[in-house]
PDB file of N, CA and C in Angstrom:
ATOM      1  N   MET A   1      61.329 -49.855 -19.430  1.00  0.00           N
ATOM      2  CA  MET A   1      62.433 -49.410 -20.534  1.00  0.00           C
ATOM      3  C   MET A   1      61.581 -49.021 -22.046  1.00  0.00           C
ATOM      4  N   ILE A   2      62.827 -48.400 -22.250  1.00  0.00           N
ATOM      5  CA  ILE A   2      62.434 -47.718 -23.840  1.00  0.00           C
ATOM      6  C   ILE A   2      62.045 -48.433 -24.852  1.00  0.00           C
ATOM      7  N   ASN A   3      61.179 -48.118 -26.024  1.00  0.00           N
ATOM      8  CA  ASN A   3      60.964 -49.314 -26.993  1.00  0.00           C
ATOM      9  C   ASN A   3      61.554 -48.656 -28.388  1.00  0.00           C
ATOM     10  N   LYS A   4      62.411 -49.376 -28.571  1.00  0.00           N
ATOM     11  CA  LYS A   4      63.680 -48.734 -29.863  1.00  0.00           C
ATOM     12  C   LYS A   4      63.138 -48.282 -30.826  1.00  0.00           C
ATOM     13  N   ARG A   5      62.330 -49.538 -31.451  1.00  0.00           N
ATOM     14  CA  ARG A   5      61.654 -49.315 -32.974  1.00  0.00           C
ATOM     15  C   ARG A   5      60.587 -48.276 -32.827  1.00  0.00           C
ATOM     16  N   LEU A   6      59.785 -47.827 -31.440  1.00  0.00           N
ATOM     17  CA  LEU A   6      59.388 -46.519 -31.448  1.00  0.00           C
ATOM     18  C   LEU A   6      59.744 -45.263 -31.239  1.00  0.00           C
ATOM     19  N   LEU A   7      61.044 -45.263 -30.761  1.00  0.00           N
ATOM     20  CA  LEU A   7      61.794 -44.392 -30.579  1.00  0.00           C
ATOM     21  C   LEU A   7      62.620 -44.032 -32.076  1.00  0.00           C
ATOM     22  N   ILE A   8      63.037 -44.792 -32.813  1.00  0.00           N
ATOM     23  CA  ILE A   8      63.330 -44.835 -34.466  1.00  0.00           C
ATOM     24  C   ILE A   8      62.579 -44.207 -34.855  1.00  0.00           C
ATOM     25  N   LYS A   9      61.812 -44.622 -35.032  1.00  0.00           N
ATOM     26  CA  LYS A   9      60.268 -44.193 -35.301  1.00  0.00           C
ATOM     27  C   LYS A   9      60.071 -42.596 -35.266  1.00  0.00           C
ATOM     28  N   ASN A  10      59.999 -41.893 -34.457  1.00  0.00           N
ATOM     29  CA  ASN A  10      59.772 -40.981 -33.516  1.00  0.00           C
ATOM     30  C   ASN A  10      61.148 -39.919 -34.233  1.00  0.00           C
ATOM     31  N   LEU A  11      62.259 -40.129 -33.820  1.00  0.00           N
ATOM     32  CA  LEU A  11      63.462 -39.589 -34.397  1.00  0.00           C
ATOM     33  C   LEU A  11      62.944 -39.327 -36.007  1.00  0.00           C
ATOM     34  N   LEU A  12      62.772 -40.326 -36.406  1.00  0.00           N
ATOM     35  CA  LEU A  12      62.829 -40.356 -37.789  1.00  0.00           C
ATOM     36  C   LEU A  12      61.568 -39.769 -38.492  1.00  0.00           C
ATOM     37  N   ALA A  13      60.906 -39.474 -37.614  1.00  0.00           N
ATOM     38  CA  ALA A  13      59.444 -38.785 -38.232  1.00  0.00           C
ATOM     39  C   ALA A  13      59.839 -36.675 -37.750  1.00  0.00           C
ATOM     40  N   HIS A  14      60.711 -36.542 -37.547  1.00  0.00           N
ATOM     41  CA  HIS A  14      61.365 -35.254 -37.499  1.00  0.00           C
ATOM     42  C   HIS A  14      62.446 -34.819 -38.054  1.00  0.00           C
ATOM     43  N   ASN A  15      62.192 -35.730 -39.289  1.00  0.00           N
ATOM     44  CA  ASN A  15      63.099 -35.537 -40.202  1.00  0.00           C
ATOM     45  C   ASN A  15      64.470 -34.700 -40.346  1.00  0.00           C
ATOM     46  N   ASP A  16      64.603 -33.557 -39.530  1.00  0.00           N
ATOM     47  CA  ASP A  16      65.529 -32.852 -39.660  1.00  0.00           C
ATOM     48  C   ASP A  16      66.680 -33.155 -38.536  1.00  0.00           C
ATOM     49  N   GLU A  17      67.751 -33.337 -38.706  1.00  0.00           N
ATOM     50  CA  GLU A  17      68.913 -33.954 -37.743  1.00  0.00           C
ATOM     51  C   GLU A  17      68.748 -32.477 -36.463  1.00  0.00           C
ATOM     52  N   ASN A  18      69.111 -32.613 -35.541  1.00  0.00           N
ATOM     53  CA  ASN A  18      69.435 -31.668 -34.464  1.00  0.00           C
ATOM     54  C   ASN A  18      71.071 -31.613 -33.551  1.00  0.00           C
ATOM     55  N   SER A  19      70.548 -31.106 -32.258  1.00  0.00           N
ATOM     56  CA  SER A  19      71.464 -31.378 -31.364  1.00  0.00           C
ATOM     57  C   SER A  19      71.975 -32.766 -30.657  1.00  0.00           C
ATOM     58  N   PHE A  20      70.758 -33.671 -30.407  1.00  0.00           N
ATOM     59  CA  PHE A  20      70.462 -34.836 -30.186  1.00  0.00           C
ATOM     60  C   PHE A  20      70.541 -36.056 -31.252  1.00  0.00           C
ATOM     61  N   TYR A  21      70.581 -35.684 -32.439  1.00  0.00           N
ATOM     62  CA  TYR A  21      69.944 -36.992 -33.177  1.00  0.00           C
ATOM     63  C   TYR A  21      70.763 -36.690 -34.346  1.00  0.00           C
ATOM     64  N   ASP A  22      71.552 -37.735 -34.906  1.00  0.00           N
ATOM     65  CA  ASP A  22      71.568 -37.545 -36.172  1.00  0.00           C
ATOM     66  C   ASP A  22      71.579 -38.915 -36.952  1.00  0.00           C
ATOM     67  N   LYS A  23      71.615 -39.198 -38.059  1.00  0.00           N
ATOM     68  CA  LYS A  23      71.201 -40.242 -39.243  1.00  0.00           C
ATOM     69  C   LYS A  23      72.204 -40.433 -40.200  1.00  0.00           C
ATOM     70  N   LYS A  24      72.792 -41.516 -40.757  1.00  0.00           N
ATOM     71  CA  LYS A  24      73.643 -41.678 -41.322  1.00  0.00           C
ATOM     72  C   LYS A  24      72.858 -43.000 -42.285  1.00  0.00           C
ATOM     73  N   LEU A  25      73.424 -43.046 -43.817  1.00  0.00           N
ATOM     74  CA  LEU A  25      73.213 -44.202 -44.499  1.00  0.00           C
ATOM     75  C   LEU A  25      74.020 -45.245 -44.173  1.00  0.00           C
ATOM     76  N   LYS A  26      75.151 -45.472 -43.786  1.00  0.00           N
ATOM     77  CA  LYS A  26      76.229 -46.238 -43.333  1.00  0.00           C
ATOM     78  C   LYS A  26      77.637 -45.265 -42.637  1.00  0.00           C
ATOM     79  N   ILE A  27      78.435 -45.879 -41.658  1.00  0.00           N
ATOM     80  CA  ILE A  27      79.921 -45.574 -41.235  1.00  0.00           C
ATOM     81  C   ILE A  27      80.365 -46.802 -41.459  1.00  0.00           C
ATOM     82  N   SER A  28      81.626 -45.802 -42.143  1.00  0.00           N
ATOM     83  CA  SER A  28      83.180 -46.753 -42.301  1.00  0.00           C
ATOM     84  C   SER A  28      84.228 -46.377 -41.015  1.00  0.00           C
ATOM     85  N   LEU A  29      84.408 -47.485 -40.485  1.00  0.00           N
ATOM     86  CA  LEU A  29      85.433 -47.390 -39.761  1.00  0.00           C
ATOM     87  C   LEU A  29      86.850 -47.919 -40.224  1.00  0.00           C
ATOM     88  N   GLU A  30      86.652 -48.169 -41.289  1.00  0.00           N
ATOM     89  CA  GLU A  30      87.919 -49.085 -42.140  1.00  0.00           C
ATOM     90  C   GLU A  30      89.093 -48.159 -42.563  1.00  0.00           C
ATOM     91  N   HIS A  31      88.751 -46.915 -42.765  1.00  0.00           N
ATOM     92  CA  HIS A  31      89.467 -45.858 -43.293  1.00  0.00           C
ATOM     93  C   HIS A  31      89.775 -44.754 -42.880  1.00  0.00           C
ATOM     94  N   LYS A  32      90.619 -44.152 -42.179  1.00  0.00           N
ATOM     95  CA  LYS A  32      90.713 -42.561 -41.609  1.00  0.00           C
ATOM     96  C   LYS A  32      90.199 -41.694 -41.754  1.00  0.00           C
ATOM     97  N   GLU A  33      89.413 -41.568 -42.979  1.00  0.00           N
ATOM     98  CA  GLU A  33      88.414 -40.645 -43.219  1.00  0.00           C
ATOM     99  C   GLU A  33      87.548 -40.939 -42.868  1.00  0.00           C
ATOM    100  N   GLY A  34      86.609 -42.078 -42.827  1.00  0.00           N
ATOM    101  CA  GLY A  34      85.674 -42.307 -42.038  1.00  0.00           C
ATOM    102  C   GLY A  34      85.455 -42.344 -40.683  1.00  0.00           C
ATOM    103  N   LYS A  35      86.611 -42.646 -40.138  1.00  0.00           N
ATOM    104  CA  LYS A  35      86.857 -42.577 -38.546  1.00  0.00           C
ATOM    105  C   LYS A  35      86.735 -40.898 -38.461  1.00  0.00           C
ATOM    106  N   ALA A  36      87.832 -40.650 -38.648  1.00  0.00           N
ATOM    107  CA  ALA A  36      87.386 -38.705 -38.553  1.00  0.00           C
ATOM    108  C   ALA A  36      86.278 -38.175 -38.613  1.00  0.00           C
ATOM    109  N   LYS A  37      85.248 -38.433 -39.720  1.00  0.00           N
ATOM    110  CA  LYS A  37      83.713 -38.379 -39.767  1.00  0.00           C
ATOM    111  C   LYS A  37      82.619 -38.746 -38.197  1.00  0.00           C
ATOM    112  N   PHE A  38      83.224 -39.838 -38.067  1.00  0.00           N
ATOM    113  CA  PHE A  38      82.233 -40.758 -37.316  1.00  0.00           C
ATOM    114  C   PHE A  38      82.783 -40.150 -35.534  1.00  0.00           C
ATOM    115  N   LEU A  39      83.782 -39.928 -35.506  1.00  0.00           N
ATOM    116  CA  LEU A  39      84.664 -38.910 -34.315  1.00  0.00           C
ATOM    117  C   LEU A  39      83.712 -37.439 -34.139  1.00  0.00           C
ATOM    118  N   LYS A  40      84.186 -36.946 -35.471  1.00  0.00           N
ATOM    119  CA  LYS A  40      83.423 -35.853 -35.579  1.00  0.00           C
ATOM    120  C   LYS A  40      81.905 -35.417 -34.977  1.00  0.00           C
ATOM    121  N   ILE A  41      80.875 -36.328 -35.546  1.00  0.00           N
ATOM    122  CA  ILE A  41      79.616 -36.609 -35.514  1.00  0.00           C
ATOM    123  C   ILE A  41      79.260 -37.007 -33.532  1.00  0.00           C
ATOM    124  N   VAL A  42      80.405 -37.993 -32.581  1.00  0.00           N
ATOM    125  CA  VAL A  42      79.881 -37.879 -31.867  1.00  0.00           C
ATOM    126  C   VAL A  42      80.549 -36.456 -30.861  1.00  0.00           C
ATOM    127  N   CYS A  43      81.723 -36.595 -31.204  1.00  0.00           N
ATOM    128  CA  CYS A  43      81.731 -35.098 -30.289  1.00  0.00           C
ATOM    129  C   CYS A  43      81.053 -33.938 -30.456  1.00  0.00           C
ATOM    130  N   ALA A  44      80.467 -33.462 -31.821  1.00  0.00           N
ATOM    131  CA  ALA A  44      79.534 -32.612 -31.568  1.00  0.00           C
ATOM    132  C   ALA A  44      78.044 -32.969 -31.063  1.00  0.00           C
ATOM    133  N   LEU A  45      77.817 -34.281 -31.039  1.00  0.00           N
ATOM    134  CA  LEU A  45      76.348 -34.617 -30.179  1.00  0.00           C
ATOM    135  C   LEU A  45      76.633 -34.579 -28.810  1.00  0.00           C
ATOM    136  N   ALA A  46      78.158 -34.837 -28.186  1.00  0.00           N
ATOM    137  CA  ALA A  46      78.349 -34.948 -26.822  1.00  0.00           C
ATOM    138  C   ALA A  46      78.875 -33.515 -26.442  1.00  0.00           C
ATOM    139  N   ASN A  47      79.125 -32.729 -27.228  1.00  0.00           N
ATOM    140  CA  ASN A  47      79.327 -31.584 -26.697  1.00  0.00           C
ATOM    141  C   ASN A  47      78.009 -30.665 -26.947  1.00  0.00           C
ATOM    142  N   SER A  48      77.127 -31.221 -27.843  1.00  0.00           N
ATOM    143  CA  SER A  48      75.735 -30.110 -27.679  1.00  0.00           C
ATOM    144  C   SER A  48      74.754 -30.423 -26.796  1.00  0.00           C
ATOM    145  N   ASN A  49      74.986 -31.327 -26.047  1.00  0.00           N
ATOM    146  CA  ASN A  49      73.660 -32.444 -25.382  1.00  0.00           C
ATOM    147  C   ASN A  49      74.679 -33.169 -24.589  1.00  0.00           C
ATOM    148  N   PRO A  50      75.416 -32.645 -23.463  1.00  0.00           N
ATOM    149  CA  PRO A  50      75.972 -32.915 -22.643  1.00  0.00           C
ATOM    150  C   PRO A  50      75.286 -34.104 -21.480  1.00  0.00           C
ATOM    151  N   GLU A  51      74.234 -32.950 -21.398  1.00  0.00           N
ATOM    152  CA  GLU A  51      73.413 -34.457 -20.342  1.00  0.00           C
ATOM    153  C   GLU A  51      72.774 -34.984 -20.157  1.00  0.00           C
ATOM    154  N   ASN A  52      72.236 -35.099 -21.712  1.00  0.00           N
ATOM    155  CA  ASN A  52      70.902 -35.851 -22.000  1.00  0.00           C
ATOM    156  C   ASN A  52      71.496 -37.288 -22.891  1.00  0.00           C
ATOM    157  N   ASN A  53      70.576 -38.311 -23.319  1.00  0.00           N
ATOM    158  CA  ASN A  53      71.125 -39.074 -24.286  1.00  0.00           C
ATOM    159  C   ASN A  53      71.012 -38.360 -25.991  1.00  0.00           C
ATOM    160  N   SER A  54      71.971 -38.582 -26.556  1.00  0.00           N
ATOM    161  CA  SER A  54      72.341 -38.420 -28.388  1.00  0.00           C
ATOM    162  C   SER A  54      72.167 -39.476 -28.743  1.00  0.00           C
ATOM    163  N   TYR A  55      71.491 -39.277 -30.216  1.00  0.00           N
ATOM    164  CA  TYR A  55      71.616 -40.783 -30.909  1.00  0.00           C
ATOM    165  C   TYR A  55      72.109 -40.429 -32.092  1.00  0.00           C
ATOM    166  N   ILE A  56      72.832 -41.378 -32.619  1.00  0.00           N
ATOM    167  CA  ILE A  56      73.478 -41.700 -34.336  1.00  0.00           C
ATOM    168  C   ILE A  56      72.476 -43.012 -34.830  1.00  0.00           C
ATOM    169  N   VAL A  57      71.271 -43.039 -35.736  1.00  0.00           N
ATOM    170  CA  VAL A  57      70.613 -43.725 -36.032  1.00  0.00           C
ATOM    171  C   VAL A  57      71.298 -44.433 -37.592  1.00  0.00           C
ATOM    172  N   ILE A  58      72.313 -45.330 -37.840  1.00  0.00           N
ATOM    173  CA  ILE A  58      72.721 -45.867 -39.028  1.00  0.00           C
ATOM    174  C   ILE A  58      71.536 -46.702 -39.643  1.00  0.00           C
ATOM    175  N   GLY A  59      71.748 -46.527 -41.140  1.00  0.00           N
ATOM    176  CA  GLY A  59      71.100 -47.181 -41.960  1.00  0.00           C
ATOM    177  C   GLY A  59      69.666 -46.503 -42.506  1.00  0.00           C
ATOM    178  N   VAL A  60      69.848 -45.344 -42.126  1.00  0.00           N
ATOM    179  CA  VAL A  60      68.777 -44.225 -43.077  1.00  0.00           C
ATOM    180  C   VAL A  60      69.305 -43.642 -43.802  1.00  0.00           C
ATOM    181  N   ASP A  61      68.004 -43.662 -44.784  1.00  0.00           N
ATOM    182  CA  ASP A  61      68.832 -42.953 -45.984  1.00  0.00           C
ATOM    183  C   ASP A  61      68.586 -41.350 -45.990  1.00  0.00           C
ATOM    184  N   ASP A  62      69.504 -40.370 -46.071  1.00  0.00           N
ATOM    185  CA  ASP A  62      69.133 -39.377 -45.383  1.00  0.00           C
ATOM    186  C   ASP A  62      68.298 -38.388 -46.352  1.00  0.00           C
ATOM    187  N   GLN A  63      68.562 -38.604 -47.379  1.00  0.00           N
ATOM    188  CA  GLN A  63      67.602 -38.104 -48.426  1.00  0.00           C
ATOM    189  C   GLN A  63      66.043 -38.556 -48.649  1.00  0.00           C
ATOM    190  N   PHE A  64      65.881 -39.256 -48.379  1.00  0.00           N
ATOM    191  CA  PHE A  64      64.421 -39.832 -48.578  1.00  0.00           C
ATOM    192  C   PHE A  64      63.661 -40.335 -47.249  1.00  0.00           C
ATOM    193  N   ASN A  65      64.775 -40.563 -46.057  1.00  0.00           N
ATOM    194  CA  ASN A  65      64.433 -40.687 -44.598  1.00  0.00           C
ATOM    195  C   ASN A  65      63.829 -42.373 -44.239  1.00  0.00           C
ATOM    196  N   LYS A  66      64.607 -43.100 -45.007  1.00  0.00           N
ATOM    197  CA  LYS A  66      64.154 -44.468 -45.353  1.00  0.00           C
ATOM    198  C   LYS A  66      65.080 -45.083 -44.696  1.00  0.00           C
ATOM    199  N   ILE A  67      64.573 -46.196 -43.998  1.00  0.00           N
ATOM    200  CA  ILE A  67      65.188 -47.112 -43.265  1.00  0.00           C
ATOM    201  C   ILE A  67      65.733 -48.229 -44.033  1.00  0.00           C
ATOM    202  N   GLU A  68      66.883 -48.264 -44.403  1.00  0.00           N
ATOM    203  CA  GLU A  68      67.384 -48.976 -45.076  1.00  0.00           C
ATOM    204  C   GLU A  68      67.923 -50.131 -44.710  1.00  0.00           C
ATOM    205  N   GLY A  69      68.970 -50.055 -43.338  1.00  0.00           N
ATOM    206  CA  GLY A  69      69.340 -50.942 -42.738  1.00  0.00           C
ATOM    207  C   GLY A  69      70.614 -51.293 -42.810  1.00  0.00           C
ATOM    208  N   VAL A  70      71.626 -51.845 -41.942  1.00  0.00           N
ATOM    209  CA  VAL A  70      73.116 -52.528 -41.889  1.00  0.00           C
ATOM    210  C   VAL A  70      72.928 -53.667 -41.781  1.00  0.00           C
ATOM    211  N   ASP A  71      74.277 -54.474 -41.976  1.00  0.00           N
ATOM    212  CA  ASP A  71      74.715 -55.557 -41.463  1.00  0.00           C
ATOM    213  C   ASP A  71      75.032 -55.200 -40.262  1.00  0.00           C
ATOM    214  N   PHE A  72      75.531 -56.430 -39.559  1.00  0.00           N
ATOM    215  CA  PHE A  72      75.908 -56.738 -38.181  1.00  0.00           C
ATOM    216  C   PHE A  72      77.333 -55.718 -38.109  1.00  0.00           C
ATOM    217  N   PHE A  73      77.908 -54.712 -37.121  1.00  0.00           N
ATOM    218  CA  PHE A  73      78.531 -54.542 -36.828  1.00  0.00           C
ATOM    219  C   PHE A  73      79.001 -54.760 -35.424  1.00  0.00           C
ATOM    220  N   ASP A  74      80.490 -54.739 -35.515  1.00  0.00           N
ATOM    221  CA  ASP A  74      80.900 -55.166 -34.142  1.00  0.00           C
ATOM    222  C   ASP A  74      80.994 -53.718 -32.960  1.00  0.00           C
ATOM    223  N   ASP A  75      80.099 -53.774 -31.851  1.00  0.00           N
ATOM    224  CA  ASP A  75      80.414 -52.723 -30.855  1.00  0.00           C
ATOM    225  C   ASP A  75      81.818 -52.354 -30.803  1.00  0.00           C
ATOM    226  N   SER A  76      82.597 -53.186 -30.453  1.00  0.00           N
ATOM    227  CA  SER A  76      84.053 -53.166 -29.785  1.00  0.00           C
ATOM    228  C   SER A  76      84.962 -52.448 -30.810  1.00  0.00           C
ATOM    229  N   LYS A  77      84.415 -52.078 -32.251  1.00  0.00           N
ATOM    230  CA  LYS A  77      85.392 -51.348 -33.273  1.00  0.00           C
ATOM    231  C   LYS A  77      84.996 -49.572 -32.748  1.00  0.00           C
ATOM    232  N   ILE A  78      83.948 -49.556 -32.083  1.00  0.00           N
ATOM    233  CA  ILE A  78      83.683 -48.573 -31.752  1.00  0.00           C
ATOM    234  C   ILE A  78      83.847 -47.956 -30.305  1.00  0.00           C
ATOM    235  N   GLN A  79      83.705 -49.134 -29.670  1.00  0.00           N
ATOM    236  CA  GLN A  79      84.608 -48.725 -28.223  1.00  0.00           C
ATOM    237  C   GLN A  79      86.059 -48.437 -28.428  1.00  0.00           C
ATOM    238  N   ASN A  80      86.811 -49.076 -28.940  1.00  0.00           N
ATOM    239  CA  ASN A  80      88.235 -49.224 -29.535  1.00  0.00           C
ATOM    240  C   ASN A  80      88.588 -47.547 -29.920  1.00  0.00           C
ATOM    241  N   LEU A  81      87.731 -47.318 -30.658  1.00  0.00           N
ATOM    242  CA  LEU A  81      88.203 -46.316 -31.635  1.00  0.00           C
ATOM    243  C   LEU A  81      87.954 -45.215 -30.539  1.00  0.00           C
ATOM    244  N   MET A  82      86.871 -45.036 -30.033  1.00  0.00           N
ATOM    245  CA  MET A  82      86.625 -44.090 -28.928  1.00  0.00           C
ATOM    246  C   MET A  82      87.543 -43.861 -27.495  1.00  0.00           C
ATOM    247  N   ASN A  83      88.243 -45.203 -27.307  1.00  0.00           N
ATOM    248  CA  ASN A  83      88.916 -45.065 -25.985  1.00  0.00           C
ATOM    249  C   ASN A  83      90.942 -44.746 -26.719  1.00  0.00           C
ATOM    250  N   SER A  84      90.675 -45.050 -28.248  1.00  0.00           N
ATOM    251  CA  SER A  84      92.339 -44.640 -28.427  1.00  0.00           C
ATOM    252  C   SER A  84      92.462 -42.958 -28.838  1.00  0.00           C
ATOM    253  N   TYR A  85      91.406 -42.373 -29.091  1.00  0.00           N
ATOM    254  CA  TYR A  85      90.999 -40.941 -29.321  1.00  0.00           C
ATOM    255  C   TYR A  85      90.542 -40.005 -28.168  1.00  0.00           C
ATOM    256  N   PHE A  86      90.198 -40.441 -27.367  1.00  0.00           N
ATOM    257  CA  PHE A  86      90.111 -39.619 -26.443  1.00  0.00           C
ATOM    258  C   PHE A  86      90.249 -40.198 -24.867  1.00  0.00           C
ATOM    259  N   ASN A  87      91.108 -38.722 -23.921  1.00  0.00           N
ATOM    260  CA  ASN A  87      91.317 -39.619 -22.664  1.00  0.00           C
ATOM    261  C   ASN A  87      89.964 -39.671 -21.981  1.00  0.00           C
ATOM    262  N   ASN A  88      88.784 -38.894 -22.109  1.00  0.00           N
ATOM    263  CA  ASN A  88      87.406 -39.005 -21.025  1.00  0.00           C
ATOM    264  C   ASN A  88      86.756 -39.417 -22.575  1.00  0.00           C
ATOM    265  N   PRO A  89      86.333 -40.367 -23.255  1.00  0.00           N
ATOM    266  CA  PRO A  89      85.558 -40.738 -24.168  1.00  0.00           C
ATOM    267  C   PRO A  89      83.694 -40.506 -23.475  1.00  0.00           C
ATOM    268  N   PRO A  90      82.874 -40.384 -24.608  1.00  0.00           N
ATOM    269  CA  PRO A  90      81.450 -40.211 -24.173  1.00  0.00           C
ATOM    270  C   PRO A  90      81.067 -41.651 -24.089  1.00  0.00           C
ATOM    271  N   LYS A  91      80.052 -41.814 -23.365  1.00  0.00           N
ATOM    272  CA  LYS A  91      79.772 -43.406 -23.202  1.00  0.00           C
ATOM    273  C   LYS A  91      79.043 -43.516 -24.783  1.00  0.00           C
ATOM    274  N   ILE A  92      79.236 -44.566 -25.140  1.00  0.00           N
ATOM    275  CA  ILE A  92      78.853 -45.286 -26.611  1.00  0.00           C
ATOM    276  C   ILE A  92      77.970 -46.184 -26.339  1.00  0.00           C
ATOM    277  N   GLN A  93      76.927 -46.601 -27.092  1.00  0.00           N
ATOM    278  CA  GLN A  93      76.562 -47.645 -26.783  1.00  0.00           C
ATOM    279  C   GLN A  93      75.850 -47.914 -28.499  1.00  0.00           C
ATOM    280  N   TYR A  94      76.464 -49.265 -28.918  1.00  0.00           N
ATOM    281  CA  TYR A  94      75.822 -49.708 -30.395  1.00  0.00           C
ATOM    282  C   TYR A  94      74.687 -50.757 -30.147  1.00  0.00           C
ATOM    283  N   GLU A  95      73.551 -50.789 -30.820  1.00  0.00           N
ATOM    284  CA  GLU A  95      72.673 -51.468 -30.709  1.00  0.00           C
ATOM    285  C   GLU A  95      72.071 -51.572 -31.893  1.00  0.00           C
ATOM    286  N   ASN A  96      71.841 -52.923 -32.486  1.00  0.00           N
ATOM    287  CA  ASN A  96      71.276 -53.307 -33.660  1.00  0.00           C
ATOM    288  C   ASN A  96      69.887 -53.654 -33.395  1.00  0.00           C
ATOM    289  N   ILE A  97      69.043 -52.573 -33.998  1.00  0.00           N
ATOM    290  CA  ILE A  97      67.545 -52.619 -33.706  1.00  0.00           C
ATOM    291  C   ILE A  97      66.696 -53.404 -34.923  1.00  0.00           C
ATOM    292  N   PRO A  98      66.146 -54.826 -34.864  1.00  0.00           N
ATOM    293  CA  PRO A  98      65.391 -55.192 -35.834  1.00  0.00           C
ATOM    294  C   PRO A  98      64.042 -54.730 -36.235  1.00  0.00           C
ATOM    295  N   PHE A  99      63.863 -54.455 -37.869  1.00  0.00           N
ATOM    296  CA  PHE A  99      63.006 -53.835 -37.837  1.00  0.00           C
ATOM    297  C   PHE A  99      62.161 -54.825 -38.839  1.00  0.00           C
ATOM    298  N   PRO A 100      61.157 -55.680 -38.498  1.00  0.00           N
ATOM    299  CA  PRO A 100      60.744 -56.888 -39.462  1.00  0.00           C
ATOM    300  C   PRO A 100      60.166 -56.509 -40.484  1.00  0.00           C
ATOM    301  N   ARG A 101      59.521 -55.042 -40.764  1.00  0.00           N
ATOM    302  CA  ARG A 101      58.860 -54.380 -42.070  1.00  0.00           C
ATOM    303  C   ARG A 101      59.708 -53.078 -42.288  1.00  0.00           C
ATOM    304  N   LEU A 102      60.479 -53.176 -42.989  1.00  0.00           N
ATOM    305  CA  LEU A 102      61.274 -51.520 -43.184  1.00  0.00           C
ATOM    306  C   LEU A 102      59.755 -50.925 -43.781  1.00  0.00           C
ATOM    307  N   PRO A 103      59.783 -49.439 -43.080  1.00  0.00           N
ATOM    308  CA  PRO A 103      58.925 -48.722 -43.314  1.00  0.00           C
ATOM    309  C   PRO A 103      59.049 -48.213 -44.771  1.00  0.00           C
TER     310      PRO A 103
END
């Protein structure tokens, strides 16, 4: 089993986003623009790295690469969004990873 805190720390250590990793301070699925932006990120990651896992780390200040955290997010919102816009949606898994002390 993968240590998810260590995975996030390793991703953040490479400050630059790439074909399998993106970071966002927050996502908003309440409005059309936020949904479109999120879907665009998912499509880009799925198309550029179709055979492997890709990651969107949410709750990270993009400018300072600092973990800010997020409020609880309902995974069903993401699943419903994927299913309503894609005929063959990429597999998405959302998980809150607690950091007892933010770096």
